[in-house]
N, C-alpha and C. Protein backbone atom coordinates (compact mmCIF):
# COMPACT_ATOMS: atom_id res chain seq x y z
N UNK A 1 88.52 -51.49 69.59
CA UNK A 1 87.61 -50.59 70.27
C UNK A 1 86.96 -49.69 69.22
N UNK A 2 85.66 -49.62 69.23
CA UNK A 2 84.97 -48.74 68.30
C UNK A 2 84.33 -47.58 69.04
N UNK A 3 83.79 -46.63 68.31
CA UNK A 3 83.23 -45.42 68.91
C UNK A 3 82.02 -45.71 69.78
N UNK A 4 81.26 -46.73 69.46
CA UNK A 4 80.08 -47.06 70.26
C UNK A 4 80.44 -47.55 71.66
N UNK A 5 81.58 -48.17 71.81
CA UNK A 5 81.97 -48.65 73.13
C UNK A 5 82.53 -47.54 74.00
N UNK A 6 82.97 -46.43 73.40
CA UNK A 6 83.53 -45.32 74.15
C UNK A 6 82.45 -44.32 74.55
N UNK A 7 81.50 -44.05 73.66
CA UNK A 7 80.45 -43.06 73.91
C UNK A 7 79.17 -43.73 74.39
N UNK A 8 78.46 -43.02 75.25
CA UNK A 8 77.14 -43.50 75.64
C UNK A 8 76.16 -43.24 74.50
N UNK A 9 74.99 -43.79 74.58
CA UNK A 9 73.99 -43.61 73.54
C UNK A 9 73.61 -42.13 73.39
N UNK A 10 73.48 -41.42 74.51
CA UNK A 10 73.13 -40.00 74.48
C UNK A 10 74.24 -39.18 73.83
N UNK A 11 75.49 -39.46 74.17
CA UNK A 11 76.62 -38.74 73.58
C UNK A 11 76.71 -39.01 72.08
N UNK A 12 76.45 -40.24 71.69
CA UNK A 12 76.47 -40.58 70.28
C UNK A 12 75.35 -39.86 69.52
N UNK A 13 74.16 -39.76 70.12
CA UNK A 13 73.05 -39.02 69.51
C UNK A 13 73.38 -37.54 69.37
N UNK A 14 74.03 -36.96 70.39
CA UNK A 14 74.40 -35.55 70.33
C UNK A 14 75.45 -35.31 69.24
N UNK A 15 76.41 -36.21 69.14
CA UNK A 15 77.43 -36.10 68.11
C UNK A 15 76.82 -36.21 66.72
N UNK A 16 75.89 -37.12 66.54
CA UNK A 16 75.21 -37.28 65.26
C UNK A 16 74.40 -36.04 64.92
N UNK A 17 73.72 -35.45 65.90
CA UNK A 17 72.92 -34.25 65.66
C UNK A 17 73.82 -33.09 65.25
N UNK A 18 74.98 -32.93 65.91
CA UNK A 18 75.91 -31.86 65.55
C UNK A 18 76.44 -32.07 64.14
N UNK A 19 76.73 -33.31 63.78
CA UNK A 19 77.21 -33.60 62.44
C UNK A 19 76.16 -33.27 61.39
N UNK A 20 74.90 -33.57 61.70
CA UNK A 20 73.81 -33.26 60.77
C UNK A 20 73.66 -31.75 60.58
N UNK A 21 73.77 -30.99 61.66
CA UNK A 21 73.67 -29.53 61.58
C UNK A 21 74.82 -28.98 60.75
N UNK A 22 76.03 -29.48 60.97
CA UNK A 22 77.18 -29.03 60.18
C UNK A 22 76.99 -29.37 58.71
N UNK A 23 76.51 -30.55 58.41
CA UNK A 23 76.28 -30.95 57.02
C UNK A 23 75.22 -30.07 56.37
N UNK A 24 74.15 -29.77 57.10
CA UNK A 24 73.10 -28.90 56.54
C UNK A 24 73.63 -27.50 56.29
N UNK A 25 74.49 -26.98 57.17
CA UNK A 25 75.09 -25.65 56.97
C UNK A 25 75.95 -25.65 55.72
N UNK A 26 76.76 -26.67 55.53
CA UNK A 26 77.62 -26.74 54.34
C UNK A 26 76.77 -26.79 53.07
N UNK A 27 75.72 -27.58 53.07
CA UNK A 27 74.83 -27.66 51.91
C UNK A 27 74.18 -26.30 51.64
N UNK A 28 73.75 -25.61 52.69
CA UNK A 28 73.15 -24.28 52.53
C UNK A 28 74.14 -23.30 51.91
N UNK A 29 75.36 -23.28 52.42
CA UNK A 29 76.38 -22.36 51.90
C UNK A 29 76.68 -22.66 50.43
N UNK A 30 76.80 -23.92 50.08
CA UNK A 30 77.08 -24.29 48.69
C UNK A 30 75.93 -23.85 47.79
N UNK A 31 74.71 -24.04 48.23
CA UNK A 31 73.55 -23.63 47.41
C UNK A 31 73.50 -22.11 47.24
N UNK A 32 73.75 -21.36 48.28
CA UNK A 32 73.75 -19.90 48.19
C UNK A 32 74.85 -19.44 47.23
N UNK A 33 76.02 -20.03 47.34
CA UNK A 33 77.11 -19.66 46.43
C UNK A 33 76.77 -20.00 44.99
N UNK A 34 76.18 -21.15 44.74
CA UNK A 34 75.81 -21.53 43.38
C UNK A 34 74.80 -20.55 42.78
N UNK A 35 73.81 -20.17 43.57
CA UNK A 35 72.82 -19.21 43.09
C UNK A 35 73.48 -17.86 42.82
N UNK A 36 74.31 -17.40 43.73
CA UNK A 36 74.96 -16.11 43.57
C UNK A 36 75.88 -16.08 42.35
N UNK A 37 76.55 -17.18 42.07
CA UNK A 37 77.54 -17.20 41.00
C UNK A 37 76.97 -17.58 39.64
N UNK A 38 75.83 -18.30 39.61
CA UNK A 38 75.35 -18.84 38.34
C UNK A 38 73.89 -18.52 37.99
N UNK A 39 73.10 -18.00 38.90
CA UNK A 39 71.68 -17.76 38.60
C UNK A 39 71.49 -16.44 37.86
N UNK A 40 70.47 -16.40 37.03
CA UNK A 40 70.08 -15.18 36.29
C UNK A 40 71.22 -14.60 35.47
N UNK A 41 71.99 -15.46 34.85
CA UNK A 41 73.06 -15.01 33.96
C UNK A 41 72.53 -14.94 32.54
N UNK A 42 73.21 -14.22 31.64
CA UNK A 42 72.67 -14.07 30.28
C UNK A 42 72.41 -15.37 29.54
N UNK A 43 73.32 -16.35 29.65
CA UNK A 43 73.14 -17.59 28.90
C UNK A 43 73.79 -18.75 29.66
N UNK A 44 73.02 -19.45 30.45
CA UNK A 44 73.54 -20.53 31.28
C UNK A 44 74.03 -21.71 30.44
N UNK A 45 73.47 -21.91 29.25
CA UNK A 45 73.86 -23.04 28.40
C UNK A 45 75.14 -22.79 27.62
N UNK A 46 75.57 -21.54 27.53
CA UNK A 46 76.79 -21.21 26.81
C UNK A 46 78.00 -21.74 27.58
N UNK A 47 78.97 -22.28 26.88
CA UNK A 47 80.16 -22.84 27.52
C UNK A 47 81.18 -21.77 27.92
N UNK A 48 81.06 -20.57 27.39
CA UNK A 48 81.98 -19.49 27.74
C UNK A 48 81.70 -18.97 29.14
N UNK A 49 82.72 -18.82 29.98
CA UNK A 49 82.50 -18.39 31.37
C UNK A 49 81.89 -17.00 31.50
N UNK A 50 82.09 -16.13 30.51
CA UNK A 50 81.52 -14.78 30.60
C UNK A 50 80.00 -14.80 30.51
N UNK A 51 79.43 -15.85 29.95
CA UNK A 51 77.99 -15.93 29.78
C UNK A 51 77.28 -16.68 30.90
N UNK A 52 77.98 -17.50 31.67
CA UNK A 52 77.28 -18.32 32.66
C UNK A 52 77.82 -18.23 34.08
N UNK A 53 78.65 -17.26 34.36
CA UNK A 53 79.14 -17.09 35.73
C UNK A 53 79.39 -15.61 35.99
N UNK A 54 79.54 -15.26 37.26
CA UNK A 54 79.76 -13.85 37.62
C UNK A 54 80.61 -13.77 38.88
N UNK A 55 81.18 -12.59 39.08
CA UNK A 55 81.87 -12.27 40.32
C UNK A 55 80.87 -11.64 41.26
N UNK A 56 80.94 -12.01 42.51
CA UNK A 56 80.03 -11.48 43.53
C UNK A 56 80.83 -10.56 44.44
N UNK A 57 80.41 -9.31 44.54
CA UNK A 57 81.06 -8.37 45.44
C UNK A 57 80.46 -8.55 46.83
N UNK A 58 81.28 -8.99 47.76
CA UNK A 58 80.80 -9.35 49.09
C UNK A 58 81.44 -8.46 50.15
N UNK A 59 80.65 -8.15 51.19
CA UNK A 59 81.22 -7.43 52.31
C UNK A 59 81.98 -8.42 53.20
N UNK A 60 82.56 -7.95 54.29
CA UNK A 60 83.42 -8.80 55.11
C UNK A 60 82.66 -9.98 55.71
N UNK A 61 81.40 -9.77 56.12
CA UNK A 61 80.64 -10.86 56.71
C UNK A 61 80.27 -11.92 55.67
N UNK A 62 79.86 -11.47 54.50
CA UNK A 62 79.55 -12.42 53.42
C UNK A 62 80.79 -13.20 52.99
N UNK A 63 81.94 -12.51 52.94
CA UNK A 63 83.18 -13.22 52.61
C UNK A 63 83.51 -14.25 53.68
N UNK A 64 83.30 -13.89 54.92
CA UNK A 64 83.60 -14.80 56.03
C UNK A 64 82.71 -16.04 56.00
N UNK A 65 81.41 -15.85 55.73
CA UNK A 65 80.46 -16.96 55.77
C UNK A 65 80.40 -17.76 54.47
N UNK A 66 80.41 -17.08 53.33
CA UNK A 66 80.12 -17.74 52.06
C UNK A 66 81.29 -17.82 51.09
N UNK A 67 82.26 -16.94 51.23
CA UNK A 67 83.34 -16.91 50.25
C UNK A 67 84.70 -16.72 50.91
N UNK A 68 85.09 -17.64 51.77
CA UNK A 68 86.42 -17.50 52.37
C UNK A 68 87.50 -17.65 51.30
N UNK A 69 88.66 -17.10 51.55
CA UNK A 69 89.80 -17.18 50.62
C UNK A 69 89.49 -16.53 49.27
N UNK A 70 88.63 -15.52 49.28
CA UNK A 70 88.29 -14.75 48.07
C UNK A 70 87.67 -15.62 46.98
N UNK A 71 86.85 -16.58 47.36
CA UNK A 71 86.17 -17.43 46.39
C UNK A 71 85.04 -16.70 45.68
N UNK A 72 84.75 -15.46 46.06
CA UNK A 72 83.71 -14.70 45.37
C UNK A 72 84.17 -14.21 44.00
N UNK A 73 85.45 -14.32 43.69
CA UNK A 73 85.96 -13.96 42.36
C UNK A 73 85.82 -15.16 41.42
N UNK A 74 84.59 -15.51 41.13
CA UNK A 74 84.30 -16.74 40.40
C UNK A 74 84.56 -16.60 38.90
N UNK A 75 84.17 -15.49 38.31
CA UNK A 75 84.42 -15.27 36.89
C UNK A 75 85.92 -15.22 36.61
N UNK A 76 86.63 -14.49 37.43
CA UNK A 76 88.08 -14.40 37.26
C UNK A 76 88.73 -15.77 37.40
N UNK A 77 88.22 -16.58 38.30
CA UNK A 77 88.72 -17.94 38.48
C UNK A 77 88.58 -18.75 37.19
N UNK A 78 87.47 -18.58 36.48
CA UNK A 78 87.27 -19.31 35.22
C UNK A 78 88.12 -18.73 34.09
N UNK A 79 88.26 -17.41 34.06
CA UNK A 79 89.03 -16.78 32.98
C UNK A 79 90.53 -16.98 33.15
N UNK A 80 91.00 -16.99 34.38
CA UNK A 80 92.42 -17.12 34.68
C UNK A 80 92.65 -18.37 35.53
N UNK A 81 92.36 -19.52 34.96
CA UNK A 81 92.34 -20.77 35.72
C UNK A 81 93.72 -21.18 36.24
N UNK A 82 94.80 -20.70 35.65
CA UNK A 82 96.12 -21.10 36.11
C UNK A 82 96.61 -20.29 37.30
N UNK A 83 95.92 -19.20 37.62
CA UNK A 83 96.32 -18.36 38.75
C UNK A 83 95.62 -18.87 40.01
N UNK A 84 96.35 -19.10 41.10
CA UNK A 84 95.73 -19.56 42.34
C UNK A 84 94.68 -18.56 42.84
N UNK A 85 93.63 -19.06 43.45
CA UNK A 85 92.49 -18.24 43.88
C UNK A 85 92.91 -17.16 44.88
N UNK A 86 93.93 -17.43 45.69
CA UNK A 86 94.34 -16.44 46.70
C UNK A 86 95.04 -15.23 46.09
N UNK A 87 95.40 -15.28 44.80
CA UNK A 87 95.96 -14.11 44.13
C UNK A 87 94.89 -13.27 43.44
N UNK A 88 93.66 -13.75 43.38
CA UNK A 88 92.59 -13.02 42.69
C UNK A 88 91.90 -12.07 43.67
N UNK A 89 92.48 -10.91 43.88
CA UNK A 89 91.89 -9.91 44.77
C UNK A 89 91.79 -8.60 44.06
């Protein structure tokens, strides 16, 4: 039994549309985070993390939408790579 035999054509179209919206949201969030963490830094070509990444100070809503689990501590993550991200607060 496959998914096409269980769902009608309309239900399958709705499921596909929801999946597309979720995928677009994830892509948007990743792009915003990349810009916030890596754009307009002193030297993007430098291999040292202090020159090509930054920490983003986020309010509760921004943390909820774009940086769950304290992922906004991006520079610290690169400098202290052996420490789990949930300890970087």
